[in-house]
Amino acid sequence: MIVGAGALGQSFAALLAASGQPVSLLATPRSAERLHRAGFIALRGVVELDIPVADVNVTAQVADLPRDAIALFTTKGHDLPAAIREIAEIQPAWAAGVQNGIVKDDLLVAAFGQQRVVGAATIFGGVRQNDGSVRVASRGMTYFGELDGRTSERTAAVVEHFVTAGIPAQARTDIASVLWSKACNATGVFGICVLARASNAQLFSDPDLMRAYLTLVRETAAVAAAYGVRVGNYPGFPPIRDYAEGDEQTLLAGLAPRRVEQEPGYASMTHDLMAGNPMEVDSIFGDIVERAQRRGVAVPCLQFTRDVLRGLNRERMNGA
């Protein structure tokens, strides 16, 4: 079961259903009503797919969800605690969350126990459009792994489910490194693109924006190191280890020229900013800054970014 019917949840549910696999999608009452009224989930872009809502079992009622199923949480980070509480009575076979940041797994372990939580990360790119469809920019890569680093049948099985559905996926024994590597990219991309209102292509082609990105990546990697984790380079993700440990001038000299963007691609938090939606500030930046403080790691740029984003986000969260 997929918990959260945003762009990512709809994409995963539709692709799994299209491959003939049983899936349920838990949505808010408003989203469930909209999807049932439309009659299908529509994916556009690198995926062209219309899946009838009946094939996905879209529901706003926890009672309609299967018992003892895998629960994959695809909500925004600030919505995760409420989503966990909502399905607590079901007791899933095991649970995973693909939110940005590190705190998500702490929340899942607190709710379901470590033995019933699997680490997960994705860089699948999807954005909900005004017409209700989801524009898929990239299938990216999705990773699963046991939090204790062992191999397991359940991670191998869920990877097979995803690959069968056309979603690139791998099982990893170093999932902690994957999670921190994604967190490095999240703090860098969200921190710079939101404050600069920049597209992803603009960020990765502009030397000044990229220098600021590298600063946030390196501070986040230092926090990971304080917890015994070395970040890495993973297929589908930016080369985070190179960004964290490589020579800055060499990295900046190797930037690709800025290309003309027909439709600028923006990070999810930038979309939230422009749409007036709440942003994942504390579940990403707030949590990592707190982790840094607990280990005595200085992260002045992350702290500055957290504070500015909190200021931008306050009214959005109060009205959510």
C-alpha atoms as a PDB file:
ATOM      1  CA  MET A   1       0.000   0.000   0.000  1.00  0.00           C
ATOM      2  CA  ILE A   2       1.172   3.489  -0.901  1.00  0.00           C
ATOM      3  CA  VAL A   3       0.476   6.101   1.783  1.00  0.00           C
ATOM      4  CA  GLY A   4       0.283   9.539   0.191  1.00  0.00           C
ATOM      5  CA  ALA A   5      -1.308  10.415  -3.147  1.00  0.00           C
ATOM      6  CA  GLY A   6       0.973  13.212  -4.316  1.00  0.00           C
ATOM      7  CA  ALA A   7       2.918  13.013  -7.550  1.00  0.00           C
ATOM      8  CA  LEU A   8       5.243  10.290  -6.286  1.00  0.00           C
ATOM      9  CA  GLY A   9       2.548   8.165  -4.657  1.00  0.00           C
ATOM     10  CA  GLN A  10       0.347   8.304  -7.740  1.00  0.00           C
ATOM     11  CA  SER A  11       3.279   7.432  -9.999  1.00  0.00           C
ATOM     12  CA  PHE A  12       4.380   4.424  -7.970  1.00  0.00           C
ATOM     13  CA  ALA A  13       0.809   3.166  -7.534  1.00  0.00           C
ATOM     14  CA  ALA A  14      -0.051   3.552 -11.221  1.00  0.00           C
ATOM     15  CA  LEU A  15       3.103   1.828 -12.463  1.00  0.00           C
ATOM     16  CA  LEU A  16       2.755  -1.052  -9.994  1.00  0.00           C
ATOM     17  CA  ALA A  17      -0.910  -1.507 -10.957  1.00  0.00           C
ATOM     18  CA  ALA A  18      -0.091  -1.338 -14.676  1.00  0.00           C
ATOM     19  CA  SER A  19       2.320  -4.241 -14.215  1.00  0.00           C
ATOM     20  CA  GLY A  20      -0.495  -6.338 -12.722  1.00  0.00           C
ATOM     21  CA  GLN A  21       0.548  -6.068  -9.095  1.00  0.00           C
ATOM     22  CA  PRO A  22      -2.043  -5.454  -6.358  1.00  0.00           C
ATOM     23  CA  VAL A  23      -1.705  -2.001  -4.842  1.00  0.00           C
ATOM     24  CA  SER A  24      -3.781   0.361  -2.710  1.00  0.00           C
ATOM     25  CA  LEU A  25      -3.305   4.125  -2.540  1.00  0.00           C
ATOM     26  CA  LEU A  26      -4.287   5.980   0.638  1.00  0.00           C
ATOM     27  CA  ALA A  27      -5.191   9.574  -0.204  1.00  0.00           C
ATOM     28  CA  THR A  28      -6.686  12.498   1.652  1.00  0.00           C
ATOM     29  CA  PRO A  29     -10.480  12.734   1.241  1.00  0.00           C
ATOM     30  CA  ARG A  30     -10.031  15.652  -1.162  1.00  0.00           C
ATOM     31  CA  SER A  31      -7.454  13.850  -3.321  1.00  0.00           C
ATOM     32  CA  ALA A  32      -9.434  10.606  -3.295  1.00  0.00           C
ATOM     33  CA  GLU A  33     -12.582  12.448  -4.402  1.00  0.00           C
ATOM     34  CA  ARG A  34     -10.692  14.189  -7.200  1.00  0.00           C
ATOM     35  CA  LEU A  35      -9.152  10.955  -8.466  1.00  0.00           C
ATOM     36  CA  HIS A  36     -12.459   9.071  -8.342  1.00  0.00           C
ATOM     37  CA  ARG A  37     -14.129  11.932 -10.196  1.00  0.00           C
ATOM     38  CA  ALA A  38     -11.425  11.811 -12.891  1.00  0.00           C
ATOM     39  CA  GLY A  39     -11.688   8.015 -13.037  1.00  0.00           C
ATOM     40  CA  PHE A  40      -8.004   7.382 -13.637  1.00  0.00           C
ATOM     41  CA  ILE A  41      -4.451   8.296 -12.668  1.00  0.00           C
ATOM     42  CA  ALA A  42      -2.718  10.011 -15.578  1.00  0.00           C
ATOM     43  CA  LEU A  43       1.066   9.991 -15.996  1.00  0.00           C
ATOM     44  CA  ARG A  44       2.696  12.086 -18.702  1.00  0.00           C
ATOM     45  CA  GLY A  45       6.260  12.811 -19.800  1.00  0.00           C
ATOM     46  CA  VAL A  46       8.756   9.953 -19.905  1.00  0.00           C
ATOM     47  CA  VAL A  47       5.793   7.764 -18.895  1.00  0.00           C
ATOM     48  CA  GLU A  48       2.506   7.930 -20.812  1.00  0.00           C
ATOM     49  CA  LEU A  49      -0.069   6.007 -18.822  1.00  0.00           C
ATOM     50  CA  ASP A  50      -3.732   6.162 -17.809  1.00  0.00           C
ATOM     51  CA  ILE A  51      -4.665   3.707 -15.069  1.00  0.00           C
ATOM     52  CA  PRO A  52      -8.283   3.343 -13.890  1.00  0.00           C
ATOM     53  CA  VAL A  53      -8.721   4.296 -10.263  1.00  0.00           C
ATOM     54  CA  ALA A  54     -10.469   0.961  -9.686  1.00  0.00           C
ATOM     55  CA  ASP A  55      -7.245  -0.865 -10.614  1.00  0.00           C
ATOM     56  CA  VAL A  56      -5.352   0.995  -7.885  1.00  0.00           C
ATOM     57  CA  ASN A  57      -7.892   0.862  -5.036  1.00  0.00           C
ATOM     58  CA  VAL A  58      -7.677   4.584  -4.304  1.00  0.00           C
ATOM     59  CA  THR A  59      -9.243   5.248  -0.915  1.00  0.00           C
ATOM     60  CA  ALA A  60      -9.352   7.754   1.926  1.00  0.00           C
ATOM     61  CA  GLN A  61     -10.483   5.084   4.393  1.00  0.00           C
ATOM     62  CA  VAL A  62      -7.889   3.130   6.360  1.00  0.00           C
ATOM     63  CA  ALA A  63     -10.459   0.357   6.759  1.00  0.00           C
ATOM     64  CA  ASP A  64     -10.248  -0.252   2.989  1.00  0.00           C
ATOM     65  CA  LEU A  65      -6.514  -0.991   3.092  1.00  0.00           C
ATOM     66  CA  PRO A  66      -5.145  -4.541   3.143  1.00  0.00           C
ATOM     67  CA  ARG A  67      -3.731  -5.955   6.354  1.00  0.00           C
ATOM     68  CA  ASP A  68      -0.178  -7.280   6.585  1.00  0.00           C
ATOM     69  CA  ALA A  69       0.911  -5.485   3.394  1.00  0.00           C
ATOM     70  CA  ILE A  70       4.039  -3.473   2.700  1.00  0.00           C
ATOM     71  CA  ALA A  71       3.451   0.184   3.586  1.00  0.00           C
ATOM     72  CA  LEU A  72       5.434   2.655   1.496  1.00  0.00           C
ATOM     73  CA  PHE A  73       5.073   6.243   2.739  1.00  0.00           C
ATOM     74  CA  THR A  74       5.338   8.852  -0.014  1.00  0.00           C
ATOM     75  CA  THR A  75       3.968  11.884   1.857  1.00  0.00           C
ATOM     76  CA  LYS A  76       5.914  15.076   2.397  1.00  0.00           C
ATOM     77  CA  GLY A  77       8.191  14.943   5.437  1.00  0.00           C
ATOM     78  CA  HIS A  78       6.026  17.255   7.564  1.00  0.00           C
ATOM     79  CA  ASP A  79       2.977  15.047   6.853  1.00  0.00           C
ATOM     80  CA  LEU A  80       4.695  11.784   7.808  1.00  0.00           C
ATOM     81  CA  PRO A  81       3.892  11.749  11.566  1.00  0.00           C
ATOM     82  CA  ALA A  82       0.152  12.118  10.883  1.00  0.00           C
ATOM     83  CA  ALA A  83       0.290   9.473   8.126  1.00  0.00           C
ATOM     84  CA  ILE A  84       1.998   7.025  10.486  1.00  0.00           C
ATOM     85  CA  ARG A  85      -0.657   7.609  13.138  1.00  0.00           C
ATOM     86  CA  GLU A  86      -3.387   7.094  10.556  1.00  0.00           C
ATOM     87  CA  ILE A  87      -2.366   3.557   9.640  1.00  0.00           C
ATOM     88  CA  ALA A  88      -1.003   2.497  13.041  1.00  0.00           C
ATOM     89  CA  GLU A  89      -3.980   0.202  13.608  1.00  0.00           C
ATOM     90  CA  ILE A  90      -3.223  -1.791  10.455  1.00  0.00           C
ATOM     91  CA  GLN A  91       0.232  -3.019  11.501  1.00  0.00           C
ATOM     92  CA  PRO A  92       1.873  -3.454   8.066  1.00  0.00           C
ATOM     93  CA  ALA A  93       4.166  -6.353   7.265  1.00  0.00           C
ATOM     94  CA  TRP A  94       6.928  -3.769   7.104  1.00  0.00           C
ATOM     95  CA  ALA A  95       7.212  -0.096   6.289  1.00  0.00           C
ATOM     96  CA  ALA A  96       9.522   2.244   4.392  1.00  0.00           C
ATOM     97  CA  GLY A  97       9.514   5.959   3.651  1.00  0.00           C
ATOM     98  CA  VAL A  98      11.039   7.791   0.712  1.00  0.00           C
ATOM     99  CA  GLN A  99      10.893  11.299   2.190  1.00  0.00           C
ATOM    100  CA  ASN A 100      13.894  13.585   1.945  1.00  0.00           C
ATOM    101  CA  GLY A 101      16.086  13.740   5.043  1.00  0.00           C
ATOM    102  CA  ILE A 102      17.098  11.317   7.762  1.00  0.00           C
ATOM    103  CA  VAL A 103      14.453  11.639  10.479  1.00  0.00           C
ATOM    104  CA  LYS A 104      11.837   9.650   8.544  1.00  0.00           C
ATOM    105  CA  ASP A 105      13.319   6.315   9.582  1.00  0.00           C
ATOM    106  CA  ASP A 106      13.485   7.357  13.240  1.00  0.00           C
ATOM    107  CA  LEU A 107       9.752   8.072  13.083  1.00  0.00           C
ATOM    108  CA  LEU A 108       8.976   4.759  11.394  1.00  0.00           C
ATOM    109  CA  VAL A 109      11.095   2.763  13.850  1.00  0.00           C
ATOM    110  CA  ALA A 110       9.399   4.487  16.790  1.00  0.00           C
ATOM    111  CA  ALA A 111       5.997   3.497  15.381  1.00  0.00           C
ATOM    112  CA  PHE A 112       6.597  -0.009  14.039  1.00  0.00           C
ATOM    113  CA  GLY A 113       9.880  -1.246  15.543  1.00  0.00           C
ATOM    114  CA  GLN A 114      13.233  -1.576  13.810  1.00  0.00           C
ATOM    115  CA  GLN A 115      12.561  -5.119  12.587  1.00  0.00           C
ATOM    116  CA  ARG A 116       9.614  -3.861  10.550  1.00  0.00           C
ATOM    117  CA  VAL A 117      11.297  -0.880   8.889  1.00  0.00           C
ATOM    118  CA  VAL A 118      13.365  -0.875   5.699  1.00  0.00           C
ATOM    119  CA  GLY A 119      15.483   2.073   4.589  1.00  0.00           C
ATOM    120  CA  ALA A 120      14.456   3.584   1.259  1.00  0.00           C
ATOM    121  CA  ALA A 121      15.412   6.478  -0.988  1.00  0.00           C
ATOM    122  CA  THR A 122      14.307   7.564  -4.433  1.00  0.00           C
ATOM    123  CA  ILE A 123      15.124  10.206  -6.999  1.00  0.00           C
ATOM    124  CA  PHE A 124      12.052   9.467  -9.159  1.00  0.00           C
ATOM    125  CA  GLY A 125      11.016  12.806 -10.664  1.00  0.00           C
ATOM    126  CA  GLY A 126       7.323  13.649 -10.837  1.00  0.00           C
ATOM    127  CA  VAL A 127       5.310  16.867 -10.520  1.00  0.00           C
ATOM    128  CA  ARG A 128       1.538  17.198 -10.306  1.00  0.00           C
ATOM    129  CA  GLN A 129       0.082  19.396 -13.063  1.00  0.00           C
ATOM    130  CA  ASN A 130      -2.861  21.794 -12.963  1.00  0.00           C
ATOM    131  CA  ASP A 131      -4.991  19.372 -14.991  1.00  0.00           C
ATOM    132  CA  GLY A 132      -4.536  16.668 -12.324  1.00  0.00           C
ATOM    133  CA  SER A 133      -2.017  14.600 -14.254  1.00  0.00           C
ATOM    134  CA  VAL A 134       1.501  13.859 -13.037  1.00  0.00           C
ATOM    135  CA  ARG A 135       4.377  14.898 -15.284  1.00  0.00           C
ATOM    136  CA  VAL A 136       7.195  12.361 -14.907  1.00  0.00           C
ATOM    137  CA  ALA A 137      10.565  13.881 -15.748  1.00  0.00           C
ATOM    138  CA  SER A 138      12.659  10.843 -14.832  1.00  0.00           C
ATOM    139  CA  ARG A 139      12.211   7.328 -13.461  1.00  0.00           C
ATOM    140  CA  GLY A 140      15.491   7.904 -11.598  1.00  0.00           C
ATOM    141  CA  MET A 141      16.534   5.190  -9.176  1.00  0.00           C
ATOM    142  CA  THR A 142      14.936   3.820  -6.012  1.00  0.00           C
ATOM    143  CA  TYR A 143      16.954   2.060  -3.318  1.00  0.00           C
ATOM    144  CA  PHE A 144      15.918  -0.292  -0.512  1.00  0.00           C
ATOM    145  CA  GLY A 145      18.082  -1.727   2.259  1.00  0.00           C
ATOM    146  CA  GLU A 146      17.954  -3.118   5.764  1.00  0.00           C
ATOM    147  CA  LEU A 147      18.873  -0.540   8.375  1.00  0.00           C
ATOM    148  CA  ASP A 148      21.408  -2.942   9.924  1.00  0.00           C
ATOM    149  CA  GLY A 149      23.185  -3.472   6.589  1.00  0.00           C
ATOM    150  CA  ARG A 150      22.285  -7.099   6.044  1.00  0.00           C
ATOM    151  CA  THR A 151      20.835  -8.643   2.898  1.00  0.00           C
ATOM    152  CA  SER A 152      17.252  -9.869   3.049  1.00  0.00           C
ATOM    153  CA  GLU A 153      14.597 -11.586   0.998  1.00  0.00           C
ATOM    154  CA  ARG A 154      12.141  -8.748   1.540  1.00  0.00           C
ATOM    155  CA  THR A 155      14.384  -6.072   0.044  1.00  0.00           C
ATOM    156  CA  ALA A 156      15.142  -8.328  -2.915  1.00  0.00           C
ATOM    157  CA  ALA A 157      11.409  -8.957  -3.365  1.00  0.00           C
ATOM    158  CA  VAL A 158      10.373  -5.294  -3.271  1.00  0.00           C
ATOM    159  CA  VAL A 159      13.107  -4.437  -5.774  1.00  0.00           C
ATOM    160  CA  GLU A 160      11.697  -7.108  -8.074  1.00  0.00           C
ATOM    161  CA  HIS A 161       8.219  -5.557  -7.694  1.00  0.00           C
ATOM    162  CA  PHE A 162       9.562  -2.140  -8.676  1.00  0.00           C
ATOM    163  CA  VAL A 163      11.679  -3.351 -11.592  1.00  0.00           C
ATOM    164  CA  THR A 164       8.707  -5.325 -12.914  1.00  0.00           C
ATOM    165  CA  ALA A 165       6.739  -2.068 -12.800  1.00  0.00           C
ATOM    166  CA  GLY A 166       9.401  -0.264 -14.836  1.00  0.00           C
ATOM    167  CA  ILE A 167      10.810   1.654 -11.866  1.00  0.00           C
ATOM    168  CA  PRO A 168      14.616   1.264 -11.673  1.00  0.00           C
ATOM    169  CA  ALA A 169      15.510  -0.089  -8.235  1.00  0.00           C
ATOM    170  CA  GLN A 170      18.344  -1.733  -6.311  1.00  0.00           C
ATOM    171  CA  ALA A 171      18.780  -3.444  -2.949  1.00  0.00           C
ATOM    172  CA  ARG A 172      21.777  -2.096  -0.997  1.00  0.00           C
ATOM    173  CA  THR A 173      23.649  -3.189   2.104  1.00  0.00           C
ATOM    174  CA  ASP A 174      24.953   0.372   2.526  1.00  0.00           C
ATOM    175  CA  ILE A 175      21.554   2.062   2.727  1.00  0.00           C
ATOM    176  CA  ALA A 176      22.761   4.480   5.438  1.00  0.00           C
ATOM    177  CA  SER A 177      25.247   5.929   2.947  1.00  0.00           C
ATOM    178  CA  VAL A 178      22.526   6.145   0.290  1.00  0.00           C
ATOM    179  CA  LEU A 179      20.209   7.987   2.696  1.00  0.00           C
ATOM    180  CA  TRP A 180      22.867  10.487   3.767  1.00  0.00           C
ATOM    181  CA  SER A 181      23.979  10.981   0.156  1.00  0.00           C
ATOM    182  CA  LYS A 182      20.427  11.865  -0.812  1.00  0.00           C
ATOM    183  CA  ALA A 183      20.235  14.170   2.220  1.00  0.00           C
ATOM    184  CA  CYS A 184      23.375  15.951   1.010  1.00  0.00           C
ATOM    185  CA  ASN A 185      21.803  16.564  -2.367  1.00  0.00           C
ATOM    186  CA  ALA A 186      18.513  17.629  -0.786  1.00  0.00           C
ATOM    187  CA  THR A 187      20.087  20.276   1.445  1.00  0.00           C
ATOM    188  CA  GLY A 188      22.167  21.576  -1.460  1.00  0.00           C
ATOM    189  CA  VAL A 189      19.464  21.640  -4.118  1.00  0.00           C
ATOM    190  CA  PHE A 190      16.616  22.815  -1.892  1.00  0.00           C
ATOM    191  CA  GLY A 191      18.705  25.324  -0.006  1.00  0.00           C
ATOM    192  CA  ILE A 192      20.052  27.035  -3.108  1.00  0.00           C
ATOM    193  CA  CYS A 193      17.207  26.590  -5.581  1.00  0.00           C
ATOM    194  CA  VAL A 194      14.528  27.816  -3.175  1.00  0.00           C
ATOM    195  CA  LEU A 195      16.456  30.878  -2.014  1.00  0.00           C
ATOM    196  CA  ALA A 196      17.632  31.726  -5.551  1.00  0.00           C
ATOM    197  CA  ARG A 197      14.366  30.686  -7.287  1.00  0.00           C
ATOM    198  CA  ALA A 198      16.671  28.772  -9.629  1.00  0.00           C
ATOM    199  CA  SER A 199      15.936  25.775 -11.844  1.00  0.00           C
ATOM    200  CA  ASN A 200      17.958  22.602 -11.417  1.00  0.00           C
ATOM    201  CA  ALA A 201      19.765  23.216 -14.713  1.00  0.00           C
ATOM    202  CA  GLN A 202      20.649  26.737 -13.658  1.00  0.00           C
ATOM    203  CA  LEU A 203      22.086  25.482 -10.370  1.00  0.00           C
ATOM    204  CA  PHE A 204      24.313  22.834 -11.933  1.00  0.00           C
ATOM    205  CA  SER A 205      25.674  25.173 -14.611  1.00  0.00           C
ATOM    206  CA  ASP A 206      26.285  28.371 -12.630  1.00  0.00           C
ATOM    207  CA  PRO A 207      29.627  28.471 -10.751  1.00  0.00           C
ATOM    208  CA  ASP A 208      28.418  30.759  -7.964  1.00  0.00           C
ATOM    209  CA  LEU A 209      25.242  28.795  -7.291  1.00  0.00           C
ATOM    210  CA  MET A 210      27.214  25.560  -7.524  1.00  0.00           C
ATOM    211  CA  ARG A 211      29.788  26.823  -5.029  1.00  0.00           C
ATOM    212  CA  ALA A 212      26.994  27.527  -2.562  1.00  0.00           C
ATOM    213  CA  TYR A 213      25.513  24.068  -3.263  1.00  0.00           C
ATOM    214  CA  LEU A 214      28.864  22.410  -2.566  1.00  0.00           C
ATOM    215  CA  THR A 215      29.096  24.232   0.753  1.00  0.00           C
ATOM    216  CA  LEU A 216      25.774  22.786   1.926  1.00  0.00           C
ATOM    217  CA  VAL A 217      26.653  19.333   0.573  1.00  0.00           C
ATOM    218  CA  ARG A 218      29.980  19.345   2.435  1.00  0.00           C
ATOM    219  CA  GLU A 219      28.468  20.465   5.717  1.00  0.00           C
ATOM    220  CA  THR A 220      25.847  17.704   5.460  1.00  0.00           C
ATOM    221  CA  ALA A 221      28.514  15.126   4.601  1.00  0.00           C
ATOM    222  CA  ALA A 222      30.460  16.229   7.689  1.00  0.00           C
ATOM    223  CA  VAL A 223      27.404  15.510   9.821  1.00  0.00           C
ATOM    224  CA  ALA A 224      27.096  12.072   8.203  1.00  0.00           C
ATOM    225  CA  ALA A 225      30.779  11.398   8.972  1.00  0.00           C
ATOM    226  CA  ALA A 226      30.166  12.330  12.606  1.00  0.00           C
ATOM    227  CA  TYR A 227      27.632   9.484  12.694  1.00  0.00           C
ATOM    228  CA  GLY A 228      30.060   7.049  11.070  1.00  0.00           C
ATOM    229  CA  VAL A 229      28.689   7.248   7.521  1.00  0.00           C
ATOM    230  CA  ARG A 230      30.695   8.115   4.400  1.00  0.00           C
ATOM    231  CA  VAL A 231      28.610   9.411   1.528  1.00  0.00           C
ATOM    232  CA  GLY A 232      28.989   7.867  -1.908  1.00  0.00           C
ATOM    233  CA  ASN A 233      28.332   8.044  -5.637  1.00  0.00           C
ATOM    234  CA  TYR A 234      25.181   6.120  -6.561  1.00  0.00           C
ATOM    235  CA  PRO A 235      23.561   5.502  -9.960  1.00  0.00           C
ATOM    236  CA  GLY A 236      20.745   7.961 -10.571  1.00  0.00           C
ATOM    237  CA  PHE A 237      22.010  10.397  -7.930  1.00  0.00           C
ATOM    238  CA  PRO A 238      24.533  13.211  -8.381  1.00  0.00           C
ATOM    239  CA  PRO A 239      28.144  12.155  -7.542  1.00  0.00           C
ATOM    240  CA  ILE A 240      27.879  13.200  -3.912  1.00  0.00           C
ATOM    241  CA  ARG A 241      31.196  11.741  -2.750  1.00  0.00           C
ATOM    242  CA  ASP A 242      32.979  13.674  -5.498  1.00  0.00           C
ATOM    243  CA  TYR A 243      31.136  16.830  -4.454  1.00  0.00           C
ATOM    244  CA  ALA A 244      31.897  16.282  -0.767  1.00  0.00           C
ATOM    245  CA  GLU A 245      35.543  15.273  -1.086  1.00  0.00           C
ATOM    246  CA  GLY A 246      36.782  16.579  -4.461  1.00  0.00           C
ATOM    247  CA  ASP A 247      38.690  19.752  -5.211  1.00  0.00           C
ATOM    248  CA  GLU A 248      36.228  22.633  -5.474  1.00  0.00           C
ATOM    249  CA  GLN A 249      37.998  24.465  -8.297  1.00  0.00           C
ATOM    250  CA  THR A 250      38.224  21.291 -10.371  1.00  0.00           C
ATOM    251  CA  LEU A 251      34.532  20.605  -9.845  1.00  0.00           C
ATOM    252  CA  LEU A 252      33.547  24.148 -10.789  1.00  0.00           C
ATOM    253  CA  ALA A 253      35.790  24.112 -13.864  1.00  0.00           C
ATOM    254  CA  GLY A 254      34.003  20.986 -15.086  1.00  0.00           C
ATOM    255  CA  LEU A 255      30.493  22.449 -15.076  1.00  0.00           C
ATOM    256  CA  ALA A 256      28.462  21.896 -18.232  1.00  0.00           C
ATOM    257  CA  PRO A 257      27.357  25.023 -20.123  1.00  0.00           C
ATOM    258  CA  ARG A 258      23.859  26.281 -19.331  1.00  0.00           C
ATOM    259  CA  ARG A 259      21.401  24.842 -21.816  1.00  0.00           C
ATOM    260  CA  VAL A 260      18.265  26.527 -23.056  1.00  0.00           C
ATOM    261  CA  GLU A 261      15.321  25.195 -21.057  1.00  0.00           C
ATOM    262  CA  GLN A 262      12.028  24.904 -22.898  1.00  0.00           C
ATOM    263  CA  GLU A 263      10.320  24.124 -19.592  1.00  0.00           C
ATOM    264  CA  PRO A 264      12.582  24.805 -16.591  1.00  0.00           C
ATOM    265  CA  GLY A 265      12.774  21.881 -14.199  1.00  0.00           C
ATOM    266  CA  TYR A 266      12.434  22.866 -10.564  1.00  0.00           C
ATOM    267  CA  ALA A 267      13.093  20.920  -7.367  1.00  0.00           C
ATOM    268  CA  SER A 268      10.038  19.768  -5.425  1.00  0.00           C
ATOM    269  CA  MET A 269      10.590  22.298  -2.641  1.00  0.00           C
ATOM    270  CA  THR A 270      10.900  25.086  -5.204  1.00  0.00           C
ATOM    271  CA  HIS A 271       7.544  23.986  -6.630  1.00  0.00           C
ATOM    272  CA  ASP A 272       6.096  24.128  -3.108  1.00  0.00           C
ATOM    273  CA  LEU A 273       7.502  27.628  -2.625  1.00  0.00           C
ATOM    274  CA  MET A 274       6.015  28.914  -5.880  1.00  0.00           C
ATOM    275  CA  ALA A 275       2.660  27.213  -5.213  1.00  0.00           C
ATOM    276  CA  GLY A 276       2.410  28.613  -1.687  1.00  0.00           C
ATOM    277  CA  ASN A 277       2.508  25.128  -0.124  1.00  0.00           C
ATOM    278  CA  PRO A 278       4.244  24.134   3.138  1.00  0.00           C
ATOM    279  CA  MET A 279       7.887  23.175   2.650  1.00  0.00           C
ATOM    280  CA  GLU A 280       9.897  20.332   4.230  1.00  0.00           C
ATOM    281  CA  VAL A 281      12.140  22.648   6.226  1.00  0.00           C
ATOM    282  CA  ASP A 282      12.355  21.058   9.659  1.00  0.00           C
ATOM    283  CA  SER A 283      12.203  17.440   8.517  1.00  0.00           C
ATOM    284  CA  ILE A 284      15.317  18.104   6.403  1.00  0.00           C
ATOM    285  CA  PHE A 285      17.277  21.170   7.530  1.00  0.00           C
ATOM    286  CA  GLY A 286      16.031  21.383  11.107  1.00  0.00           C
ATOM    287  CA  ASP A 287      16.738  17.725  11.809  1.00  0.00           C
ATOM    288  CA  ILE A 288      20.226  17.730  10.267  1.00  0.00           C
ATOM    289  CA  VAL A 289      21.216  20.892  12.141  1.00  0.00           C
ATOM    290  CA  GLU A 290      20.059  19.286  15.389  1.00  0.00           C
ATOM    291  CA  ARG A 291      22.081  16.150  14.599  1.00  0.00           C
ATOM    292  CA  ALA A 292      25.114  18.335  13.932  1.00  0.00           C
ATOM    293  CA  GLN A 293      24.709  20.113  17.252  1.00  0.00           C
ATOM    294  CA  ARG A 294      24.487  16.796  19.116  1.00  0.00           C
ATOM    295  CA  ARG A 295      27.887  15.771  17.673  1.00  0.00           C
ATOM    296  CA  GLY A 296      29.514  19.200  17.891  1.00  0.00           C
ATOM    297  CA  VAL A 297      29.777  19.697  14.128  1.00  0.00           C
ATOM    298  CA  ALA A 298      29.755  23.313  12.962  1.00  0.00           C
ATOM    299  CA  VAL A 299      27.240  23.844  10.145  1.00  0.00           C
ATOM    300  CA  PRO A 300      26.818  27.630   9.885  1.00  0.00           C
ATOM    301  CA  CYS A 301      25.529  27.633   6.305  1.00  0.00           C
ATOM    302  CA  LEU A 302      22.993  24.879   6.959  1.00  0.00           C
ATOM    303  CA  GLN A 303      21.828  26.752  10.046  1.00  0.00           C
ATOM    304  CA  PHE A 304      21.516  30.011   8.101  1.00  0.00           C
ATOM    305  CA  THR A 305      19.539  28.238   5.362  1.00  0.00           C
ATOM    306  CA  ARG A 306      17.286  26.549   7.917  1.00  0.00           C
ATOM    307  CA  ASP A 307      16.492  29.867   9.578  1.00  0.00           C
ATOM    308  CA  VAL A 308      15.684  31.703   6.336  1.00  0.00           C
ATOM    309  CA  LEU A 309      13.529  28.836   5.068  1.00  0.00           C
ATOM    310  CA  ARG A 310      11.741  28.627   8.407  1.00  0.00           C
ATOM    311  CA  GLY A 311      10.890  32.291   8.086  1.00  0.00           C
ATOM    312  CA  LEU A 312       9.524  31.762   4.587  1.00  0.00           C
ATOM    313  CA  ASN A 313       7.631  28.669   5.701  1.00  0.00           C
ATOM    314  CA  ARG A 314       6.021  29.826   8.949  1.00  0.00           C
ATOM    315  CA  GLU A 315       2.740  31.156   7.587  1.00  0.00           C
ATOM    316  CA  ARG A 316       2.461  28.210   5.189  1.00  0.00           C
ATOM    317  CA  MET A 317       2.735  25.707   8.032  1.00  0.00           C
ATOM    318  CA  ASN A 318       0.328  27.632  10.245  1.00  0.00           C
ATOM    319  CA  GLY A 319      -2.250  27.594   7.479  1.00  0.00           C
ATOM    320  CA  ALA A 320      -1.758  23.958   6.497  1.00  0.00           C
END
